[in-house]
């Protein structure tokens, strides 16, 4: 299967075809929900990313 055709389900806004110039014109409220969700995921990355034991070596 072509990886570029795979769809990833997400609550984040799809900015695939949005240029940086266009993104700069967006009102902050448009992206606020996605930004907040992304920041929460970053803050709790260990719970959303699999890994080995926490004991380390």
PDB file of N, CA and C in Angstrom:
ATOM      1  N   UNK A   1       0.846  -1.189   0.000  1.00  0.00           N
ATOM      2  CA  UNK A   1       0.000   0.000   0.000  1.00  0.00           C
ATOM      3  C   UNK A   1       0.885   1.243   0.000  1.00  0.00           C
ATOM      4  N   UNK A   2       0.505   2.200  -0.781  1.00  0.00           N
ATOM      5  CA  UNK A   2       1.233   3.465  -0.857  1.00  0.00           C
ATOM      6  C   UNK A   2       1.058   4.221   0.457  1.00  0.00           C
ATOM      7  N   UNK A   3       2.171   4.484   1.160  1.00  0.00           N
ATOM      8  CA  UNK A   3       2.099   5.154   2.463  1.00  0.00           C
ATOM      9  C   UNK A   3       1.505   6.545   2.362  1.00  0.00           C
ATOM     10  N   UNK A   4       1.680   7.222   1.252  1.00  0.00           N
ATOM     11  CA  UNK A   4       1.136   8.571   1.114  1.00  0.00           C
ATOM     12  C   UNK A   4      -0.391   8.547   1.051  1.00  0.00           C
ATOM     13  N   UNK A   5      -0.972   7.396   0.754  1.00  0.00           N
ATOM     14  CA  UNK A   5      -2.424   7.281   0.674  1.00  0.00           C
ATOM     15  C   UNK A   5      -3.042   6.904   2.014  1.00  0.00           C
ATOM     16  N   UNK A   6      -2.220   6.557   2.997  1.00  0.00           N
ATOM     17  CA  UNK A   6      -2.732   6.178   4.305  1.00  0.00           C
ATOM     18  C   UNK A   6      -3.292   7.402   5.020  1.00  0.00           C
ATOM     19  N   UNK A   7      -4.413   7.225   5.690  1.00  0.00           N
ATOM     20  CA  UNK A   7      -5.044   8.321   6.422  1.00  0.00           C
ATOM     21  C   UNK A   7      -4.832   8.082   7.904  1.00  0.00           C
ATOM     22  N   UNK A   8      -4.453   9.108   8.620  1.00  0.00           N
ATOM     23  CA  UNK A   8      -4.272   9.026  10.059  1.00  0.00           C
ATOM     24  C   UNK A   8      -5.414   9.789  10.710  1.00  0.00           C
ATOM     25  N   UNK A   9      -6.190   9.094  11.540  1.00  0.00           N
ATOM     26  CA  UNK A   9      -7.280   9.764  12.237  1.00  0.00           C
ATOM     27  C   UNK A   9      -6.719  10.648  13.336  1.00  0.00           C
ATOM     28  N   UNK A  10      -7.185  11.863  13.363  1.00  0.00           N
ATOM     29  CA  UNK A  10      -6.682  12.828  14.330  1.00  0.00           C
ATOM     30  C   UNK A  10      -7.713  13.923  14.528  1.00  0.00           C
ATOM     31  N   UNK A  11      -7.693  14.523  15.705  1.00  0.00           N
ATOM     32  CA  UNK A  11      -8.553  15.673  15.961  1.00  0.00           C
ATOM     33  C   UNK A  11      -7.859  16.972  15.579  1.00  0.00           C
ATOM     34  N   UNK A  12      -6.654  16.862  15.059  1.00  0.00           N
ATOM     35  CA  UNK A  12      -5.898  18.044  14.681  1.00  0.00           C
ATOM     36  C   UNK A  12      -6.348  18.566  13.323  1.00  0.00           C
ATOM     37  N   UNK A  13      -6.180  19.840  13.103  1.00  0.00           N
ATOM     38  CA  UNK A  13      -6.522  20.459  11.831  1.00  0.00           C
ATOM     39  C   UNK A  13      -5.532  19.980  10.771  1.00  0.00           C
ATOM     40  N   UNK A  14      -6.048  19.580   9.608  1.00  0.00           N
ATOM     41  CA  UNK A  14      -5.189  19.145   8.506  1.00  0.00           C
ATOM     42  C   UNK A  14      -4.683  20.384   7.763  1.00  0.00           C
ATOM     43  N   UNK A  15      -3.383  20.638   7.880  1.00  0.00           N
ATOM     44  CA  UNK A  15      -2.775  21.805   7.236  1.00  0.00           C
ATOM     45  C   UNK A  15      -1.921  21.413   6.035  1.00  0.00           C
ATOM     46  N   UNK A  16      -2.190  20.249   5.482  1.00  0.00           N
ATOM     47  CA  UNK A  16      -1.383  19.712   4.391  1.00  0.00           C
ATOM     48  C   UNK A  16      -1.199  20.691   3.241  1.00  0.00           C
ATOM     49  N   UNK A  17      -2.253  21.319   2.813  1.00  0.00           N
ATOM     50  CA  UNK A  17      -2.185  22.193   1.636  1.00  0.00           C
ATOM     51  C   UNK A  17      -2.216  23.681   1.993  1.00  0.00           C
ATOM     52  N   UNK A  18      -1.881  24.001   3.234  1.00  0.00           N
ATOM     53  CA  UNK A  18      -1.900  25.398   3.676  1.00  0.00           C
ATOM     54  C   UNK A  18      -0.465  25.927   3.718  1.00  0.00           C
ATOM     55  N   UNK A  19      -0.219  26.992   2.998  1.00  0.00           N
ATOM     56  CA  UNK A  19       1.121  27.579   2.995  1.00  0.00           C
ATOM     57  C   UNK A  19       1.360  28.314   4.309  1.00  0.00           C
ATOM     58  N   UNK A  20       2.614  28.550   4.629  1.00  0.00           N
ATOM     59  CA  UNK A  20       2.944  29.301   5.840  1.00  0.00           C
ATOM     60  C   UNK A  20       2.399  30.716   5.780  1.00  0.00           C
ATOM     61  N   UNK A  21       2.387  31.299   4.587  1.00  0.00           N
ATOM     62  CA  UNK A  21       1.856  32.641   4.430  1.00  0.00           C
ATOM     63  C   UNK A  21       0.363  32.677   4.747  1.00  0.00           C
ATOM     64  N   UNK A  22      -0.360  31.681   4.284  1.00  0.00           N
ATOM     65  CA  UNK A  22      -1.793  31.599   4.559  1.00  0.00           C
ATOM     66  C   UNK A  22      -2.035  31.314   6.028  1.00  0.00           C
ATOM     67  N   UNK A  23      -1.263  30.420   6.595  1.00  0.00           N
ATOM     68  CA  UNK A  23      -1.392  30.075   8.005  1.00  0.00           C
ATOM     69  C   UNK A  23      -1.202  31.306   8.890  1.00  0.00           C
ATOM     70  N   UNK A  24      -0.305  32.169   8.496  1.00  0.00           N
ATOM     71  CA  UNK A  24      -0.028  33.387   9.256  1.00  0.00           C
ATOM     72  C   UNK A  24      -1.229  34.328   9.300  1.00  0.00           C
ATOM     73  N   UNK A  25      -2.144  34.202   8.337  1.00  0.00           N
ATOM     74  CA  UNK A  25      -3.319  35.075   8.290  1.00  0.00           C
ATOM     75  C   UNK A  25      -4.489  34.534   9.108  1.00  0.00           C
ATOM     76  N   UNK A  26      -4.410  33.296   9.581  1.00  0.00           N
ATOM     77  CA  UNK A  26      -5.505  32.688  10.338  1.00  0.00           C
ATOM     78  C   UNK A  26      -5.680  33.373  11.682  1.00  0.00           C
ATOM     79  N   UNK A  27      -6.924  33.493  12.091  1.00  0.00           N
ATOM     80  CA  UNK A  27      -7.253  33.971  13.428  1.00  0.00           C
ATOM     81  C   UNK A  27      -6.852  32.872  14.413  1.00  0.00           C
ATOM     82  N   UNK A  28      -6.270  33.254  15.536  1.00  0.00           N
ATOM     83  CA  UNK A  28      -5.813  32.275  16.521  1.00  0.00           C
ATOM     84  C   UNK A  28      -6.925  31.336  16.978  1.00  0.00           C
ATOM     85  N   UNK A  29      -8.159  31.817  17.023  1.00  0.00           N
ATOM     86  CA  UNK A  29      -9.276  30.982  17.475  1.00  0.00           C
ATOM     87  C   UNK A  29      -9.510  29.798  16.558  1.00  0.00           C
ATOM     88  N   UNK A  30      -9.178  29.904  15.291  1.00  0.00           N
ATOM     89  CA  UNK A  30      -9.376  28.813  14.334  1.00  0.00           C
ATOM     90  C   UNK A  30      -8.528  27.605  14.722  1.00  0.00           C
ATOM     91  N   UNK A  31      -7.327  27.859  15.202  1.00  0.00           N
ATOM     92  CA  UNK A  31      -6.398  26.774  15.514  1.00  0.00           C
ATOM     93  C   UNK A  31      -6.298  26.467  17.008  1.00  0.00           C
ATOM     94  N   UNK A  32      -7.015  27.199  17.848  1.00  0.00           N
ATOM     95  CA  UNK A  32      -6.858  27.070  19.301  1.00  0.00           C
ATOM     96  C   UNK A  32      -7.131  25.662  19.816  1.00  0.00           C
ATOM     97  N   UNK A  33      -8.208  25.035  19.387  1.00  0.00           N
ATOM     98  CA  UNK A  33      -8.555  23.698  19.879  1.00  0.00           C
ATOM     99  C   UNK A  33      -7.472  22.693  19.503  1.00  0.00           C
ATOM    100  N   UNK A  34      -7.027  22.730  18.258  1.00  0.00           N
ATOM    101  CA  UNK A  34      -5.980  21.808  17.818  1.00  0.00           C
ATOM    102  C   UNK A  34      -4.661  22.081  18.525  1.00  0.00           C
ATOM    103  N   UNK A  35      -4.337  23.346  18.704  1.00  0.00           N
ATOM    104  CA  UNK A  35      -3.093  23.709  19.381  1.00  0.00           C
ATOM    105  C   UNK A  35      -3.101  23.229  20.824  1.00  0.00           C
ATOM    106  N   UNK A  36      -4.212  23.448  21.514  1.00  0.00           N
ATOM    107  CA  UNK A  36      -4.320  22.986  22.904  1.00  0.00           C
ATOM    108  C   UNK A  36      -4.184  21.476  23.002  1.00  0.00           C
ATOM    109  N   UNK A  37      -4.841  20.762  22.104  1.00  0.00           N
ATOM    110  CA  UNK A  37      -4.758  19.292  22.109  1.00  0.00           C
ATOM    111  C   UNK A  37      -3.332  18.838  21.843  1.00  0.00           C
ATOM    112  N   UNK A  38      -2.680  19.436  20.865  1.00  0.00           N
ATOM    113  CA  UNK A  38      -1.301  19.076  20.542  1.00  0.00           C
ATOM    114  C   UNK A  38      -0.378  19.312  21.740  1.00  0.00           C
ATOM    115  N   UNK A  39      -0.531  20.448  22.392  1.00  0.00           N
ATOM    116  CA  UNK A  39       0.314  20.749  23.547  1.00  0.00           C
ATOM    117  C   UNK A  39       0.073  19.766  24.697  1.00  0.00           C
ATOM    118  N   UNK A  40      -1.184  19.348  24.908  1.00  0.00           N
ATOM    119  CA  UNK A  40      -1.468  18.331  25.933  1.00  0.00           C
ATOM    120  C   UNK A  40      -0.796  17.008  25.577  1.00  0.00           C
ATOM    121  N   UNK A  41      -0.822  16.637  24.290  1.00  0.00           N
ATOM    122  CA  UNK A  41      -0.185  15.390  23.860  1.00  0.00           C
ATOM    123  C   UNK A  41       1.326  15.463  24.045  1.00  0.00           C
ATOM    124  N   UNK A  42       1.919  16.594  23.770  1.00  0.00           N
ATOM    125  CA  UNK A  42       3.359  16.763  23.951  1.00  0.00           C
ATOM    126  C   UNK A  42       3.710  16.668  25.434  1.00  0.00           C
ATOM    127  N   UNK A  43       2.895  17.301  26.284  1.00  0.00           N
ATOM    128  CA  UNK A  43       3.132  17.266  27.726  1.00  0.00           C
ATOM    129  C   UNK A  43       3.035  15.855  28.295  1.00  0.00           C
ATOM    130  N   UNK A  44       2.236  14.994  27.665  1.00  0.00           N
ATOM    131  CA  UNK A  44       2.028  13.631  28.146  1.00  0.00           C
ATOM    132  C   UNK A  44       2.458  12.616  27.094  1.00  0.00           C
ATOM    133  N   UNK A  45       3.564  12.891  26.442  1.00  0.00           N
ATOM    134  CA  UNK A  45       4.031  12.045  25.337  1.00  0.00           C
ATOM    135  C   UNK A  45       4.258  10.605  25.764  1.00  0.00           C
ATOM    136  N   UNK A  46       4.710  10.359  26.987  1.00  0.00           N
ATOM    137  CA  UNK A  46       4.969   9.005  27.453  1.00  0.00           C
ATOM    138  C   UNK A  46       3.722   8.143  27.446  1.00  0.00           C
ATOM    139  N   UNK A  47       2.556   8.729  27.643  1.00  0.00           N
ATOM    140  CA  UNK A  47       1.324   7.942  27.670  1.00  0.00           C
ATOM    141  C   UNK A  47       0.806   7.632  26.270  1.00  0.00           C
ATOM    142  N   UNK A  48       1.280   8.341  25.262  1.00  0.00           N
ATOM    143  CA  UNK A  48       0.797   8.103  23.912  1.00  0.00           C
ATOM    144  C   UNK A  48       1.819   7.442  23.003  1.00  0.00           C
ATOM    145  N   UNK A  49       3.024   7.228  23.534  1.00  0.00           N
ATOM    146  CA  UNK A  49       4.080   6.594  22.751  1.00  0.00           C
ATOM    147  C   UNK A  49       4.535   5.355  23.494  1.00  0.00           C
ATOM    148  N   UNK A  50       4.531   4.239  22.810  1.00  0.00           N
ATOM    149  CA  UNK A  50       4.976   3.002  23.454  1.00  0.00           C
ATOM    150  C   UNK A  50       6.450   3.031  23.735  1.00  0.00           C
ATOM    151  N   UNK A  51       6.859   2.285  24.714  1.00  0.00           N
ATOM    152  CA  UNK A  51       8.277   2.239  25.046  1.00  0.00           C
ATOM    153  C   UNK A  51       8.594   1.043  25.906  1.00  0.00           C
ATOM    154  N   UNK A  52       9.822   0.906  26.243  1.00  0.00           N
ATOM    155  CA  UNK A  52      10.252  -0.203  27.073  1.00  0.00           C
ATOM    156  C   UNK A  52      10.034   0.101  28.538  1.00  0.00           C
ATOM    157  N   UNK A  53      10.724  -0.639  29.367  1.00  0.00           N
ATOM    158  CA  UNK A  53      10.592  -0.426  30.805  1.00  0.00           C
ATOM    159  C   UNK A  53      11.157   0.917  31.190  1.00  0.00           C
ATOM    160  N   UNK A  54      10.614   1.502  32.242  1.00  0.00           N
ATOM    161  CA  UNK A  54      11.081   2.814  32.666  1.00  0.00           C
ATOM    162  C   UNK A  54      12.333   2.739  33.515  1.00  0.00           C
ATOM    163  N   UNK A  55      12.728   1.549  33.889  1.00  0.00           N
ATOM    164  CA  UNK A  55      13.903   1.393  34.739  1.00  0.00           C
ATOM    165  C   UNK A  55      15.192   1.750  34.072  1.00  0.00           C
ATOM    166  N   UNK A  56      15.252   1.605  32.760  1.00  0.00           N
ATOM    167  CA  UNK A  56      16.475   1.920  32.026  1.00  0.00           C
ATOM    168  C   UNK A  56      17.571   0.912  32.285  1.00  0.00           C
ATOM    169  N   UNK A  57      18.795   1.218  31.853  1.00  0.00           N
ATOM    170  CA  UNK A  57      19.905   0.285  32.052  1.00  0.00           C
ATOM    171  C   UNK A  57      20.885   0.817  33.057  1.00  0.00           C
TER     172      UNK A  57
END
